[in-house]
Amino acid sequence: MNIKQLNKSKVPIVRIDSSLEKFLNMPLFQDKVDKANEILRTVGLPKTLTTGKRNRKN
């Protein structure tokens, strides 16, 4: 493919770095994940606020 064909293409061109596969099964930031799960378990998710004309009932 040349540059013009690549620019017109709707498919992104991505190069995957295979050296990152070593982190696939490694728990990263496990303490932060545990803390976030504990907060979600005790407090729960916040209620979402709806704004705009479509979401309001008059």
PDB file of N, CA and C in Angstrom:
ATOM      1  N   MET A   1       0.842  -1.181   0.000  1.00  0.00           N
ATOM      2  CA  MET A   1       0.000   0.000   0.000  1.00  0.00           C
ATOM      3  C   MET A   1       0.886   1.243   0.000  1.00  0.00           C
ATOM      4  N   ASN A   2       0.419   2.256  -0.682  1.00  0.00           N
ATOM      5  CA  ASN A   2       1.168   3.507  -0.645  1.00  0.00           C
ATOM      6  C   ASN A   2       0.524   4.460   0.363  1.00  0.00           C
ATOM      7  N   ILE A   3       1.110   5.623   0.524  1.00  0.00           N
ATOM      8  CA  ILE A   3       0.666   6.574   1.548  1.00  0.00           C
ATOM      9  C   ILE A   3      -0.764   7.053   1.294  1.00  0.00           C
ATOM     10  N   LYS A   4      -1.121   7.304   0.061  1.00  0.00           N
ATOM     11  CA  LYS A   4      -2.476   7.787  -0.239  1.00  0.00           C
ATOM     12  C   LYS A   4      -3.524   6.742   0.108  1.00  0.00           C
ATOM     13  N   GLN A   5      -3.240   5.481  -0.177  1.00  0.00           N
ATOM     14  CA  GLN A   5      -4.187   4.422   0.164  1.00  0.00           C
ATOM     15  C   GLN A   5      -4.307   4.277   1.684  1.00  0.00           C
ATOM     16  N   LEU A   6      -3.202   4.412   2.388  1.00  0.00           N
ATOM     17  CA  LEU A   6      -3.237   4.309   3.838  1.00  0.00           C
ATOM     18  C   LEU A   6      -4.037   5.459   4.450  1.00  0.00           C
ATOM     19  N   ASN A   7      -3.913   6.654   3.904  1.00  0.00           N
ATOM     20  CA  ASN A   7      -4.646   7.808   4.424  1.00  0.00           C
ATOM     21  C   ASN A   7      -6.144   7.681   4.184  1.00  0.00           C
ATOM     22  N   LYS A   8      -6.554   7.047   3.092  1.00  0.00           N
ATOM     23  CA  LYS A   8      -7.973   6.884   2.785  1.00  0.00           C
ATOM     24  C   LYS A   8      -8.583   5.707   3.531  1.00  0.00           C
ATOM     25  N   SER A   9      -7.766   4.824   4.045  1.00  0.00           N
ATOM     26  CA  SER A   9      -8.241   3.625   4.718  1.00  0.00           C
ATOM     27  C   SER A   9      -8.922   3.972   6.034  1.00  0.00           C
ATOM     28  N   LYS A  10      -9.992   3.271   6.350  1.00  0.00           N
ATOM     29  CA  LYS A  10     -10.722   3.475   7.595  1.00  0.00           C
ATOM     30  C   LYS A  10     -10.174   2.584   8.718  1.00  0.00           C
ATOM     31  N   VAL A  11      -9.291   1.654   8.389  1.00  0.00           N
ATOM     32  CA  VAL A  11      -8.746   0.716   9.350  1.00  0.00           C
ATOM     33  C   VAL A  11      -7.481   1.303   9.959  1.00  0.00           C
ATOM     34  N   PRO A  12      -7.392   1.379  11.279  1.00  0.00           N
ATOM     35  CA  PRO A  12      -6.180   1.909  11.898  1.00  0.00           C
ATOM     36  C   PRO A  12      -5.011   0.944  11.724  1.00  0.00           C
ATOM     37  N   ILE A  13      -3.840   1.484  11.604  1.00  0.00           N
ATOM     38  CA  ILE A  13      -2.634   0.683  11.465  1.00  0.00           C
ATOM     39  C   ILE A  13      -1.931   0.702  12.811  1.00  0.00           C
ATOM     40  N   VAL A  14      -1.811  -0.483  13.401  1.00  0.00           N
ATOM     41  CA  VAL A  14      -1.276  -0.595  14.750  1.00  0.00           C
ATOM     42  C   VAL A  14      -0.167  -1.637  14.756  1.00  0.00           C
ATOM     43  N   ARG A  15       0.914  -1.314  15.417  1.00  0.00           N
ATOM     44  CA  ARG A  15       1.982  -2.286  15.607  1.00  0.00           C
ATOM     45  C   ARG A  15       1.955  -2.695  17.076  1.00  0.00           C
ATOM     46  N   ILE A  16       1.765  -3.980  17.325  1.00  0.00           N
ATOM     47  CA  ILE A  16       1.663  -4.486  18.690  1.00  0.00           C
ATOM     48  C   ILE A  16       3.049  -4.888  19.161  1.00  0.00           C
ATOM     49  N   ASP A  17       3.418  -4.389  20.336  1.00  0.00           N
ATOM     50  CA  ASP A  17       4.714  -4.690  20.925  1.00  0.00           C
ATOM     51  C   ASP A  17       4.613  -6.008  21.685  1.00  0.00           C
ATOM     52  N   SER A  18       5.258  -7.047  21.191  1.00  0.00           N
ATOM     53  CA  SER A  18       5.147  -8.367  21.800  1.00  0.00           C
ATOM     54  C   SER A  18       5.879  -8.460  23.135  1.00  0.00           C
ATOM     55  N   SER A  19       6.740  -7.517  23.457  1.00  0.00           N
ATOM     56  CA  SER A  19       7.441  -7.565  24.742  1.00  0.00           C
ATOM     57  C   SER A  19       6.506  -7.280  25.916  1.00  0.00           C
ATOM     58  N   LEU A  20       5.307  -6.767  25.660  1.00  0.00           N
ATOM     59  CA  LEU A  20       4.346  -6.479  26.716  1.00  0.00           C
ATOM     60  C   LEU A  20       3.578  -7.713  27.169  1.00  0.00           C
ATOM     61  N   GLU A  21       3.727  -8.826  26.459  1.00  0.00           N
ATOM     62  CA  GLU A  21       3.010 -10.047  26.816  1.00  0.00           C
ATOM     63  C   GLU A  21       3.428 -10.591  28.180  1.00  0.00           C
ATOM     64  N   LYS A  22       4.601 -10.215  28.664  1.00  0.00           N
ATOM     65  CA  LYS A  22       5.040 -10.699  29.970  1.00  0.00           C
ATOM     66  C   LYS A  22       4.167 -10.148  31.093  1.00  0.00           C
ATOM     67  N   PHE A  23       3.432  -9.065  30.853  1.00  0.00           N
ATOM     68  CA  PHE A  23       2.556  -8.469  31.852  1.00  0.00           C
ATOM     69  C   PHE A  23       1.132  -9.005  31.787  1.00  0.00           C
ATOM     70  N   LEU A  24       0.867  -9.956  30.902  1.00  0.00           N
ATOM     71  CA  LEU A  24      -0.493 -10.434  30.671  1.00  0.00           C
ATOM     72  C   LEU A  24      -1.114 -11.040  31.926  1.00  0.00           C
ATOM     73  N   ASN A  25      -0.419 -11.898  32.619  1.00  0.00           N
ATOM     74  CA  ASN A  25      -0.979 -12.562  33.803  1.00  0.00           C
ATOM     75  C   ASN A  25      -0.397 -12.034  35.100  1.00  0.00           C
ATOM     76  N   MET A  26       0.328 -10.928  35.041  1.00  0.00           N
ATOM     77  CA  MET A  26       0.942 -10.350  36.221  1.00  0.00           C
ATOM     78  C   MET A  26      -0.005  -9.322  36.841  1.00  0.00           C
ATOM     79  N   PRO A  27      -0.326  -9.461  38.119  1.00  0.00           N
ATOM     80  CA  PRO A  27      -1.220  -8.482  38.744  1.00  0.00           C
ATOM     81  C   PRO A  27      -0.488  -7.168  39.007  1.00  0.00           C
ATOM     82  N   LEU A  28      -0.804  -6.159  38.236  1.00  0.00           N
ATOM     83  CA  LEU A  28      -0.198  -4.842  38.402  1.00  0.00           C
ATOM     84  C   LEU A  28      -1.089  -3.987  39.284  1.00  0.00           C
ATOM     85  N   PHE A  29      -0.496  -3.249  40.210  1.00  0.00           N
ATOM     86  CA  PHE A  29      -1.228  -2.348  41.109  1.00  0.00           C
ATOM     87  C   PHE A  29      -2.325  -3.085  41.865  1.00  0.00           C
ATOM     88  N   GLN A  30      -2.022  -4.277  42.350  1.00  0.00           N
ATOM     89  CA  GLN A  30      -3.032  -5.098  43.011  1.00  0.00           C
ATOM     90  C   GLN A  30      -3.598  -4.425  44.251  1.00  0.00           C
ATOM     91  N   ASP A  31      -2.770  -3.662  44.977  1.00  0.00           N
ATOM     92  CA  ASP A  31      -3.272  -2.992  46.172  1.00  0.00           C
ATOM     93  C   ASP A  31      -4.323  -1.941  45.828  1.00  0.00           C
ATOM     94  N   LYS A  32      -4.137  -1.242  44.721  1.00  0.00           N
ATOM     95  CA  LYS A  32      -5.120  -0.232  44.306  1.00  0.00           C
ATOM     96  C   LYS A  32      -6.406  -0.888  43.808  1.00  0.00           C
ATOM     97  N   VAL A  33      -6.277  -2.013  43.125  1.00  0.00           N
ATOM     98  CA  VAL A  33      -7.457  -2.746  42.662  1.00  0.00           C
ATOM     99  C   VAL A  33      -8.260  -3.254  43.850  1.00  0.00           C
ATOM    100  N   ASP A  34      -7.569  -3.784  44.850  1.00  0.00           N
ATOM    101  CA  ASP A  34      -8.260  -4.277  46.044  1.00  0.00           C
ATOM    102  C   ASP A  34      -8.975  -3.138  46.779  1.00  0.00           C
ATOM    103  N   LYS A  35      -8.324  -1.979  46.876  1.00  0.00           N
ATOM    104  CA  LYS A  35      -8.936  -0.840  47.556  1.00  0.00           C
ATOM    105  C   LYS A  35     -10.174  -0.342  46.799  1.00  0.00           C
ATOM    106  N   ALA A  36     -10.079  -0.282  45.464  1.00  0.00           N
ATOM    107  CA  ALA A  36     -11.217   0.153  44.652  1.00  0.00           C
ATOM    108  C   ALA A  36     -12.380  -0.820  44.773  1.00  0.00           C
ATOM    109  N   ASN A  37     -12.092  -2.112  44.787  1.00  0.00           N
ATOM    110  CA  ASN A  37     -13.154  -3.102  44.936  1.00  0.00           C
ATOM    111  C   ASN A  37     -13.813  -3.008  46.303  1.00  0.00           C
ATOM    112  N   GLU A  38     -13.035  -2.746  47.340  1.00  0.00           N
ATOM    113  CA  GLU A  38     -13.592  -2.592  48.679  1.00  0.00           C
ATOM    114  C   GLU A  38     -14.514  -1.374  48.752  1.00  0.00           C
ATOM    115  N   ILE A  39     -14.101  -0.269  48.136  1.00  0.00           N
ATOM    116  CA  ILE A  39     -14.931   0.942  48.126  1.00  0.00           C
ATOM    117  C   ILE A  39     -16.230   0.698  47.364  1.00  0.00           C
ATOM    118  N   LEU A  40     -16.124   0.024  46.218  1.00  0.00           N
ATOM    119  CA  LEU A  40     -17.338  -0.272  45.451  1.00  0.00           C
ATOM    120  C   LEU A  40     -18.261  -1.213  46.206  1.00  0.00           C
ATOM    121  N   ARG A  41     -17.697  -2.136  46.953  1.00  0.00           N
ATOM    122  CA  ARG A  41     -18.518  -3.074  47.712  1.00  0.00           C
ATOM    123  C   ARG A  41     -19.256  -2.371  48.847  1.00  0.00           C
ATOM    124  N   THR A  42     -18.588  -1.429  49.525  1.00  0.00           N
ATOM    125  CA  THR A  42     -19.214  -0.786  50.676  1.00  0.00           C
ATOM    126  C   THR A  42     -20.084   0.406  50.293  1.00  0.00           C
ATOM    127  N   VAL A  43     -19.625   1.216  49.361  1.00  0.00           N
ATOM    128  CA  VAL A  43     -20.340   2.441  49.014  1.00  0.00           C
ATOM    129  C   VAL A  43     -21.237   2.241  47.808  1.00  0.00           C
ATOM    130  N   GLY A  44     -20.757   1.557  46.804  1.00  0.00           N
ATOM    131  CA  GLY A  44     -21.521   1.352  45.581  1.00  0.00           C
ATOM    132  C   GLY A  44     -21.173   2.406  44.541  1.00  0.00           C
ATOM    133  N   LEU A  45     -21.816   2.300  43.418  1.00  0.00           N
ATOM    134  CA  LEU A  45     -21.579   3.245  42.332  1.00  0.00           C
ATOM    135  C   LEU A  45     -22.381   4.518  42.556  1.00  0.00           C
ATOM    136  N   PRO A  46     -21.861   5.667  42.129  1.00  0.00           N
ATOM    137  CA  PRO A  46     -22.625   6.909  42.280  1.00  0.00           C
ATOM    138  C   PRO A  46     -23.788   6.948  41.301  1.00  0.00           C
ATOM    139  N   LYS A  47     -24.817   7.677  41.682  1.00  0.00           N
ATOM    140  CA  LYS A  47     -25.950   7.854  40.781  1.00  0.00           C
ATOM    141  C   LYS A  47     -25.540   8.791  39.664  1.00  0.00           C
ATOM    142  N   THR A  48     -26.020   8.531  38.465  1.00  0.00           N
ATOM    143  CA  THR A  48     -25.678   9.379  37.333  1.00  0.00           C
ATOM    144  C   THR A  48     -26.643  10.550  37.263  1.00  0.00           C
ATOM    145  N   LEU A  49     -26.127  11.687  36.894  1.00  0.00           N
ATOM    146  CA  LEU A  49     -26.948  12.880  36.724  1.00  0.00           C
ATOM    147  C   LEU A  49     -27.338  12.991  35.263  1.00  0.00           C
ATOM    148  N   THR A  50     -28.601  13.238  35.011  1.00  0.00           N
ATOM    149  CA  THR A  50     -29.044  13.418  33.640  1.00  0.00           C
ATOM    150  C   THR A  50     -29.310  14.898  33.414  1.00  0.00           C
ATOM    151  N   THR A  51     -28.845  15.390  32.299  1.00  0.00           N
ATOM    152  CA  THR A  51     -29.064  16.786  31.951  1.00  0.00           C
ATOM    153  C   THR A  51     -29.576  16.863  30.524  1.00  0.00           C
ATOM    154  N   GLY A  52     -30.129  17.980  30.199  1.00  0.00           N
ATOM    155  CA  GLY A  52     -30.613  18.190  28.841  1.00  0.00           C
ATOM    156  C   GLY A  52     -32.118  18.052  28.757  1.00  0.00           C
ATOM    157  N   LYS A  53     -32.677  18.511  27.669  1.00  0.00           N
ATOM    158  CA  LYS A  53     -34.128  18.504  27.488  1.00  0.00           C
ATOM    159  C   LYS A  53     -34.672  17.099  27.299  1.00  0.00           C
ATOM    160  N   ARG A  54     -33.921  16.237  26.642  1.00  0.00           N
ATOM    161  CA  ARG A  54     -34.437  14.910  26.340  1.00  0.00           C
ATOM    162  C   ARG A  54     -34.626  14.077  27.590  1.00  0.00           C
ATOM    163  N   ASN A  55     -33.791  14.291  28.603  1.00  0.00           N
ATOM    164  CA  ASN A  55     -33.822  13.437  29.770  1.00  0.00           C
ATOM    165  C   ASN A  55     -34.744  13.944  30.872  1.00  0.00           C
ATOM    166  N   ARG A  56     -35.183  15.196  30.795  1.00  0.00           N
ATOM    167  CA  ARG A  56     -36.049  15.757  31.824  1.00  0.00           C
ATOM    168  C   ARG A  56     -37.506  15.477  31.529  1.00  0.00           C
ATOM    169  N   LYS A  57     -38.258  15.212  32.593  1.00  0.00           N
ATOM    170  CA  LYS A  57     -39.706  15.062  32.451  1.00  0.00           C
ATOM    171  C   LYS A  57     -40.360  16.348  32.903  1.00  0.00           C
ATOM    172  N   ASN A  58     -41.183  16.954  32.063  1.00  0.00           N
ATOM    173  CA  ASN A  58     -41.855  18.212  32.408  1.00  0.00           C
ATOM    174  C   ASN A  58     -43.274  17.962  32.780  1.00  0.00           C
TER     175      ASN A  58
END
